Amino acid sequence: MRKKDRSSGSGGRDGGEGGDGPISPGLAQVEQAVQFTNAEVLAPTWGLPGKIMPTGMDVGANALAEQAGAMMIEDMRTYLQSTEMVLVPATAKALNEALEGNPAGAVTIGLIETMLTAIAAYSAVIIANAGKTAGDFA
């Protein structure tokens, strides 16, 4: 039994171009998403006077650059949250060892302090780069 053709009719596997039948519903959704992105994101200035924005691609490039910057910040946030999940129990264990007189506790606390300093520097670099992505791609 053949699958129903749910494509938007733009050729490809359902158009007799060497394909093996209709495209799957999942592939049709991807195709629709690409068409939406092309129409709504990459060319949102259709109908506006040319002096406002000469091409929709300019707006699309800026939007994509801003999205890249936002994703950099989101990835950093996720990394920091994951690190926190490791560092909180490690710090508690190190403090407990230090209070019990174990020299490894003090050494571990020093290593955690070094790691926190490095994380702060890492975060500052990510924030600076994320802030300038729109300018870099303009």
Protein backbone atom coordinates (compact mmCIF):
# COMPACT_ATOMS: atom_id res chain seq x y z
CA MET A 1 0.00 0.00 0.00
CA ARG A 2 1.36 3.41 -0.97
CA LYS A 3 1.52 6.39 1.37
CA LYS A 4 -0.72 9.33 0.70
CA ASP A 5 0.97 12.28 -0.96
CA ARG A 6 0.95 15.07 1.61
CA SER A 7 3.56 17.28 0.04
CA SER A 8 2.91 20.83 -0.97
CA GLY A 9 3.46 19.90 -4.60
CA SER A 10 6.91 21.37 -5.10
CA GLY A 11 8.31 18.42 -7.01
CA GLY A 12 10.88 16.07 -5.58
CA ARG A 13 9.97 12.50 -4.78
CA ASP A 14 6.32 12.88 -5.76
CA GLY A 15 6.95 14.65 -9.04
CA GLY A 16 8.45 11.84 -11.08
CA GLU A 17 12.00 13.17 -10.86
CA GLY A 18 13.50 9.76 -10.17
CA GLY A 19 11.90 9.48 -6.73
CA ASP A 20 10.31 6.40 -5.31
CA GLY A 21 6.81 7.67 -4.60
CA PRO A 22 5.14 10.28 -2.44
CA ILE A 23 7.05 11.95 0.35
CA SER A 24 6.38 11.00 3.95
CA PRO A 25 4.30 13.23 6.23
CA GLY A 26 7.44 14.09 8.22
CA LEU A 27 9.28 15.23 5.11
CA ALA A 28 6.22 17.23 4.07
CA GLN A 29 6.32 19.02 7.43
CA VAL A 30 9.99 19.85 6.92
CA GLU A 31 9.19 21.18 3.46
CA GLN A 32 6.41 23.34 4.88
CA ALA A 33 8.73 24.65 7.60
CA VAL A 34 11.34 25.62 4.99
CA GLN A 35 8.71 27.39 2.91
CA PHE A 36 7.44 29.26 5.99
CA THR A 37 11.00 30.27 6.95
CA ASN A 38 11.68 31.52 3.43
CA ALA A 39 8.45 33.51 3.33
CA GLU A 40 8.23 34.83 6.90
CA VAL A 41 11.80 35.07 8.17
CA LEU A 42 14.09 35.59 5.20
CA ALA A 43 11.83 37.96 3.25
CA PRO A 44 9.60 39.80 5.75
CA THR A 45 9.96 43.13 3.98
CA TRP A 46 7.96 42.27 0.87
CA GLY A 47 5.72 45.20 0.08
CA LEU A 48 7.75 47.75 2.06
CA PRO A 49 9.44 50.65 0.28
CA GLY A 50 12.98 49.82 -0.84
CA LYS A 51 14.52 52.65 1.16
CA ILE A 52 13.41 51.01 4.40
CA MET A 53 15.17 47.75 3.63
CA PRO A 54 16.49 46.86 0.20
CA THR A 55 15.98 43.12 0.54
CA GLY A 56 14.28 40.76 2.91
CA MET A 57 17.52 38.81 3.18
CA ASP A 58 19.07 41.70 5.11
CA VAL A 59 16.40 41.38 7.77
CA GLY A 60 16.66 37.61 7.68
CA ALA A 61 20.43 37.70 8.17
CA ASN A 62 20.05 40.05 11.13
CA ALA A 63 17.32 37.91 12.65
CA LEU A 64 19.42 34.79 12.24
CA ALA A 65 22.48 36.51 13.75
CA GLU A 66 20.42 37.70 16.71
CA GLN A 67 19.03 34.18 17.12
CA ALA A 68 22.58 32.80 17.09
CA GLY A 69 23.54 35.23 19.85
CA ALA A 70 20.50 34.27 21.89
CA MET A 71 21.34 30.59 21.46
CA MET A 72 24.90 31.24 22.65
CA ILE A 73 23.51 32.77 25.84
CA GLU A 74 21.04 29.91 26.28
CA ASP A 75 23.80 27.32 25.82
CA MET A 76 25.92 29.15 28.39
CA ARG A 77 23.01 29.20 30.84
CA THR A 78 22.50 25.46 30.41
CA TYR A 79 26.20 24.84 30.94
CA LEU A 80 26.19 26.95 34.10
CA GLN A 81 23.17 25.12 35.48
CA SER A 82 24.80 21.76 34.79
CA THR A 83 28.02 22.91 36.43
CA GLU A 84 26.07 24.09 39.45
CA MET A 85 24.55 20.62 39.82
CA VAL A 86 28.07 19.20 40.08
CA LEU A 87 29.73 21.97 42.08
CA VAL A 88 27.18 22.26 44.90
CA PRO A 89 27.62 18.69 46.17
CA ALA A 90 31.38 18.79 45.46
CA THR A 91 31.71 21.98 47.51
CA ALA A 92 29.66 20.50 50.35
CA LYS A 93 31.86 17.39 50.36
CA ALA A 94 35.05 19.49 50.27
CA LEU A 95 33.84 21.70 53.13
CA ASN A 96 32.93 18.62 55.16
CA GLU A 97 36.38 17.14 54.59
CA ALA A 98 38.06 20.45 55.49
CA LEU A 99 36.06 20.68 58.73
CA GLU A 100 37.11 17.11 59.59
CA GLY A 101 40.76 18.10 59.18
CA ASN A 102 41.32 16.24 55.90
CA PRO A 103 43.86 18.24 53.82
CA ALA A 104 42.17 17.05 50.60
CA GLY A 105 39.16 19.20 51.51
CA ALA A 106 41.17 22.43 51.48
CA VAL A 107 42.87 21.45 48.22
CA THR A 108 39.47 20.69 46.63
CA ILE A 109 38.09 24.03 47.80
CA GLY A 110 41.04 25.74 46.09
CA LEU A 111 40.35 23.84 42.87
CA ILE A 112 36.66 24.77 43.01
CA GLU A 113 37.61 28.43 43.47
CA THR A 114 39.87 28.23 40.40
CA MET A 115 37.08 26.61 38.41
CA LEU A 116 34.57 29.30 39.42
CA THR A 117 37.02 32.01 38.32
CA ALA A 118 37.45 30.26 34.95
CA ILE A 119 33.67 29.92 34.55
CA ALA A 120 33.23 33.65 35.16
CA ALA A 121 35.82 34.44 32.47
CA TYR A 122 34.19 31.96 30.08
CA SER A 123 30.78 33.55 30.66
CA ALA A 124 32.14 37.05 30.02
CA VAL A 125 33.62 35.95 26.68
CA ILE A 126 30.37 34.26 25.61
CA ILE A 127 28.31 37.32 26.56
CA ALA A 128 30.66 39.66 24.67
CA ASN A 129 30.62 37.49 21.55
CA ALA A 130 26.86 36.97 21.66
CA GLY A 131 26.36 40.72 21.89
CA LYS A 132 28.31 41.40 18.74
CA THR A 133 26.97 38.62 16.49
CA ALA A 134 24.42 40.88 14.82
CA GLY A 135 27.16 43.37 13.94
CA ASP A 136 29.50 40.65 12.69
CA PHE A 137 26.91 39.30 10.25
CA ALA A 138 25.46 42.62 9.11
